[in-house]
Each structure stands twice: as C-alpha cells, then as structure tokens.
Protein backbone atom coordinates (compact mmCIF):
# COMPACT_ATOMS: atom_id res chain seq x y z
CA MET A 1 0.00 0.00 0.00
CA SER A 2 1.44 3.19 -1.06
CA LEU A 3 1.36 6.50 0.67
CA ASP A 4 -0.81 7.89 -2.09
CA THR A 5 -3.34 5.16 -1.48
CA VAL A 6 -3.37 5.83 2.26
CA VAL A 7 -3.77 9.57 1.67
CA GLU A 8 -6.52 8.85 -0.83
CA ASP A 9 -8.25 6.51 1.65
CA ILE A 10 -8.02 9.14 4.38
CA ARG A 11 -9.38 11.79 2.03
CA GLU A 12 -12.17 9.47 0.97
CA GLU A 13 -12.97 8.71 4.58
CA ALA A 14 -12.86 12.44 5.43
CA ARG A 15 -15.18 13.21 2.50
CA ALA A 16 -17.54 10.48 3.59
CA ARG A 17 -17.41 11.73 7.17
CA ALA A 18 -17.94 15.36 5.95
CA GLU A 19 -20.86 14.18 3.82
CA GLU A 20 -22.29 12.34 6.82
CA ILE A 21 -21.86 15.44 9.06
CA ARG A 22 -23.44 17.67 6.39
CA ASP A 23 -26.38 15.24 6.02
CA GLU A 24 -26.78 15.12 9.80
CA GLY A 25 -26.55 18.94 9.92
CA GLU A 26 -29.12 19.34 7.16
CA ALA A 27 -31.41 16.81 8.87
CA ARG A 28 -30.97 18.62 12.19
CA ALA A 29 -31.50 22.00 10.48
CA GLU A 30 -34.63 20.60 8.84
CA GLU A 31 -35.84 19.32 12.23
CA ILE A 32 -35.17 22.71 13.84
CA THR A 33 -36.83 24.54 10.94
CA SER A 34 -39.82 22.21 11.05
CA ALA A 35 -40.15 22.60 14.85
CA ALA A 36 -39.78 26.39 14.53
CA GLU A 37 -42.42 26.50 11.78
CA ALA A 38 -44.77 24.37 13.92
CA ASP A 39 -44.16 26.67 16.90
CA ALA A 40 -44.69 29.73 14.70
CA GLU A 41 -47.94 28.25 13.36
CA GLU A 42 -49.14 27.50 16.89
CA ILE A 43 -48.20 31.03 18.01
CA ARG A 44 -49.96 32.50 14.96
CA GLU A 45 -53.11 30.45 15.61
CA GLN A 46 -53.09 31.42 19.29
CA ALA A 47 -52.58 35.08 18.36
CA GLU A 48 -55.50 34.83 15.90
CA ARG A 49 -57.72 33.27 18.59
CA GLU A 50 -56.75 35.98 21.07
CA ALA A 51 -57.31 38.68 18.47
CA GLU A 52 -60.73 37.23 17.61
CA ARG A 53 -61.61 37.04 21.32
CA GLU A 54 -60.50 40.65 21.84
CA ILE A 55 -62.43 41.74 18.75
CA GLU A 56 -65.55 39.97 20.07
CA GLN A 57 -65.13 41.54 23.51
CA LEU A 58 -64.63 44.97 21.94
CA ARG A 59 -67.67 44.43 19.71
CA GLU A 60 -69.75 43.41 22.73
CA GLN A 61 -68.53 46.44 24.71
CA ARG A 62 -69.31 48.81 21.86
CA LEU A 63 -72.69 47.22 21.28
CA SER A 64 -73.47 47.47 24.99
CA SER A 65 -72.32 51.11 25.04
CA ALA A 66 -74.41 51.89 21.97
CA LYS A 67 -77.48 50.27 23.54
CA LEU A 68 -76.94 52.21 26.76
CA GLU A 69 -76.47 55.46 24.85
CA ALA A 70 -79.62 54.79 22.81
CA LYS A 71 -81.56 54.05 26.00
CA GLN A 72 -80.31 57.27 27.57
CA LYS A 73 -81.31 59.24 24.48
CA ARG A 74 -84.78 57.64 24.53
CA LEU A 75 -85.13 58.53 28.21
CA GLU A 76 -84.01 62.10 27.52
CA ALA A 77 -86.49 62.35 24.65
CA ARG A 78 -89.26 61.00 26.89
CA ARG A 79 -88.30 63.45 29.63
CA ASP A 80 -88.40 66.28 27.08
CA VAL A 81 -91.81 65.20 25.78
CA LEU A 82 -93.17 64.85 29.32
CA GLY A 83 -91.80 68.33 30.09
CA GLU A 84 -93.55 69.73 27.01
CA VAL A 85 -96.82 68.03 27.99
CA ARG A 86 -96.50 69.45 31.51
CA GLU A 87 -95.87 72.94 30.10
CA ARG A 88 -98.94 72.67 27.87
CA VAL A 89 -101.06 71.58 30.84
CA GLU A 90 -99.75 74.55 32.83
CA GLU A 91 -100.55 76.88 29.91
CA GLU A 92 -104.08 75.44 29.74
CA LEU A 93 -104.53 75.95 33.48
CA ALA A 94 -103.25 79.53 33.29
CA SER A 95 -105.69 80.34 30.48
CA LEU A 96 -108.86 78.67 31.79
CA PRO A 97 -112.13 80.41 30.91
CA ASP A 98 -113.37 82.78 33.63
CA ASP A 99 -116.35 80.66 34.68
CA THR A 100 -114.23 77.50 34.99
CA ARG A 101 -111.54 79.44 36.89
CA GLU A 102 -114.16 80.80 39.29
CA GLU A 103 -115.71 77.36 39.85
CA LEU A 104 -112.33 75.74 40.57
CA THR A 105 -111.18 78.60 42.80
CA ARG A 106 -114.40 78.32 44.86
CA GLU A 107 -113.94 74.57 45.23
CA LEU A 108 -110.32 74.97 46.31
CA LEU A 109 -111.23 77.72 48.80
CA ASP A 110 -114.09 75.59 50.19
CA ALA A 111 -111.74 72.64 50.60
CA ALA A 112 -109.19 74.81 52.42
CA SER A 113 -111.75 76.56 54.64
CA VAL A 114 -112.66 73.31 56.48
CA GLU A 115 -109.23 73.54 58.13
CA PHE A 116 -110.07 76.83 59.86
CA GLU A 117 -112.49 77.49 62.70
CA GLU A 118 -115.36 79.84 62.14
CA GLY A 119 -114.66 83.37 63.25
CA ASN A 120 -110.90 83.17 62.69
CA ASP A 121 -109.29 85.84 60.60
CA VAL A 122 -108.08 84.09 57.48
CA LYS A 123 -105.78 85.46 54.80
CA VAL A 124 -106.07 84.31 51.23
CA TYR A 125 -103.37 84.65 48.60
CA GLY A 126 -103.73 84.05 44.89
CA ARG A 127 -102.51 84.76 41.40
CA ALA A 128 -102.19 88.48 40.63
CA ASP A 129 -104.58 88.22 37.66
CA ASP A 130 -107.18 86.55 39.91
CA ARG A 131 -107.33 89.29 42.56
CA GLU A 132 -110.77 90.58 41.59
CA LEU A 133 -112.13 87.05 41.25
CA ILE A 134 -110.82 86.01 44.69
CA GLU A 135 -112.08 89.23 46.32
CA SER A 136 -115.57 88.67 44.88
CA ILE A 137 -115.59 85.04 46.10
CA LEU A 138 -114.38 86.12 49.57
CA GLU A 139 -117.48 88.29 49.98
CA ASP A 140 -119.25 84.98 50.79
CA TYR A 141 -116.80 84.15 53.61
CA ASP A 142 -116.79 85.91 57.00
CA GLY A 143 -113.36 86.79 58.33
CA TYR A 144 -111.58 86.03 55.07
CA GLU A 145 -109.59 88.68 53.23
CA TYR A 146 -107.39 88.86 50.17
CA ALA A 147 -103.83 89.26 51.49
CA GLY A 148 -101.78 89.51 48.34
CA GLU A 149 -100.23 87.82 45.37
CA TYR A 150 -98.90 84.29 45.24
CA ASP A 151 -96.89 83.11 42.25
CA CYS A 152 -99.05 80.33 40.85
CA LEU A 153 -101.25 79.31 37.93
CA GLY A 154 -104.42 79.84 39.91
CA GLY A 155 -106.21 78.65 43.02
CA VAL A 156 -105.53 79.88 46.54
CA VAL A 157 -103.16 79.70 49.48
CA VAL A 158 -105.06 80.10 52.73
CA GLU A 159 -103.60 80.75 56.17
CA GLY A 160 -104.98 81.59 59.57
CA GLU A 161 -103.82 84.91 60.93
CA GLY A 162 -102.83 83.68 64.36
CA SER A 163 -102.13 80.08 63.50
CA ARG A 164 -99.32 78.27 61.88
CA LEU A 165 -101.66 76.53 59.49
CA ARG A 166 -101.24 77.18 55.80
CA VAL A 167 -103.16 75.34 53.08
CA ASN A 168 -101.78 75.41 49.56
CA ASN A 169 -104.69 74.74 47.22
CA THR A 170 -103.17 76.20 44.08
CA PHE A 171 -103.56 74.73 40.63
CA ASP A 172 -99.81 74.13 40.77
CA SER A 173 -99.98 71.98 43.91
CA MET A 174 -102.97 70.04 42.55
CA LEU A 175 -101.20 69.51 39.23
CA GLU A 176 -98.06 68.34 41.05
CA ASP A 177 -100.06 65.77 43.05
CA VAL A 178 -101.93 64.51 39.99
CA TRP A 179 -98.75 64.50 37.89
CA GLU A 180 -96.75 62.50 40.45
CA ASP A 181 -99.59 60.05 41.08
CA ASN A 182 -100.14 59.43 37.37
CA LEU A 183 -96.72 59.91 35.81
CA ARG A 184 -96.26 56.23 34.93
CA GLU A 185 -99.71 56.06 33.31
CA ILE A 186 -99.08 59.31 31.42
CA SER A 187 -95.74 57.99 30.22
CA ASP A 188 -97.24 54.64 29.23
CA ARG A 189 -99.98 56.34 27.19
CA LEU A 190 -97.55 58.69 25.46
CA PHE A 191 -94.99 56.03 24.68
CA GLU A 192 -97.00 52.88 24.01
CA GLN A 193 -94.81 50.34 22.26
C-alpha cells in the first residue's frame, strides 16, 4: 500500500465523514426549521384566537355602550316630551275660561276653609290676575280677606292669621299631586310600544 493510497483513503474517509456530518446537519436543520415552523404556526393560531376574542369583547362592549347610549337618548327624549306636555297643561290651566276658573277657585277655597275654625281671621293669597275674582268670592266668607299675590297658575293659598296653618290649594300643587300620582300612566300612554 502506497502513501498515495493511504492519503486517498483518508481523504475518501474524510469526504464520507464530511458528507455524513453535512447530512446530519441538514437533517438537524430541517428538524429545527420544522419545529420552529410548527411553533410559529401555533403562536400564529393562538394570536389569531386571542385577536378574535378581543375583537368579540370589543364588539360586545361597543354594542353594549351603543345600547346604553340609545336608551339614555330615549329617556331624555321621553323626559323632554313629558316636560312639554306638563308645560302645555300649565298653559291650559293659566288660560282657563273665567267661569271655569271661578268654579275651581271656589272649590279649592271651600276645601281649604274646612281647616279653619269659624270666626278666625283668614288670609287668602292668589294669582295676581285673579285678585278681583278672589275678592268677589271672599265676599261669601266671614273673616276672610285677600292678602296679596302668590306666584301660581291659579287657586288659593289660605292661612290663619294667628295660626301656623297654611293650606296650599293652588292649581300648581294640585297639578303636582296629579302628575306625580299618574306619571307612569301618562308615560305609558304617550310612549305605548
């Protein structure tokens, strides 16, 4: 065996070993690449699931916010309409025909007068525009006198001179009682669905 043959055998063995190492390296690189691609795919899928979950949560939050905002706007609109209805009722009360105004004022004064003993001096207050009406009605009541203006839509405020008793029988107070007692029914009628 010659030296050239030995060198050639060593080279051949080195080439074979290099080829084997390269094949092992490529196989290992392919394994690592494949594992990395699988990990990347899993990470991508997880990121997509998380993104979809976040999108769904955000959509639900926005939908909920939009529903709440719409409900608030409906309530504001209802409140506005109820306010307009109340204003129209007040306008109607302020502009009642004279005979109706007199009849109601008498009834309210009669209802208040049961709280006072006969012979007591009683002061009666009313709307400025109703002064003459109230004074003419008071001619039928002993000890009652018109005492001045009261800011209201109509009716009377009656108080005993020496007592602490004061009866508010104004259209405003009656309207407030009726309004509060019937607000749900009024709202239901206005906003039937």
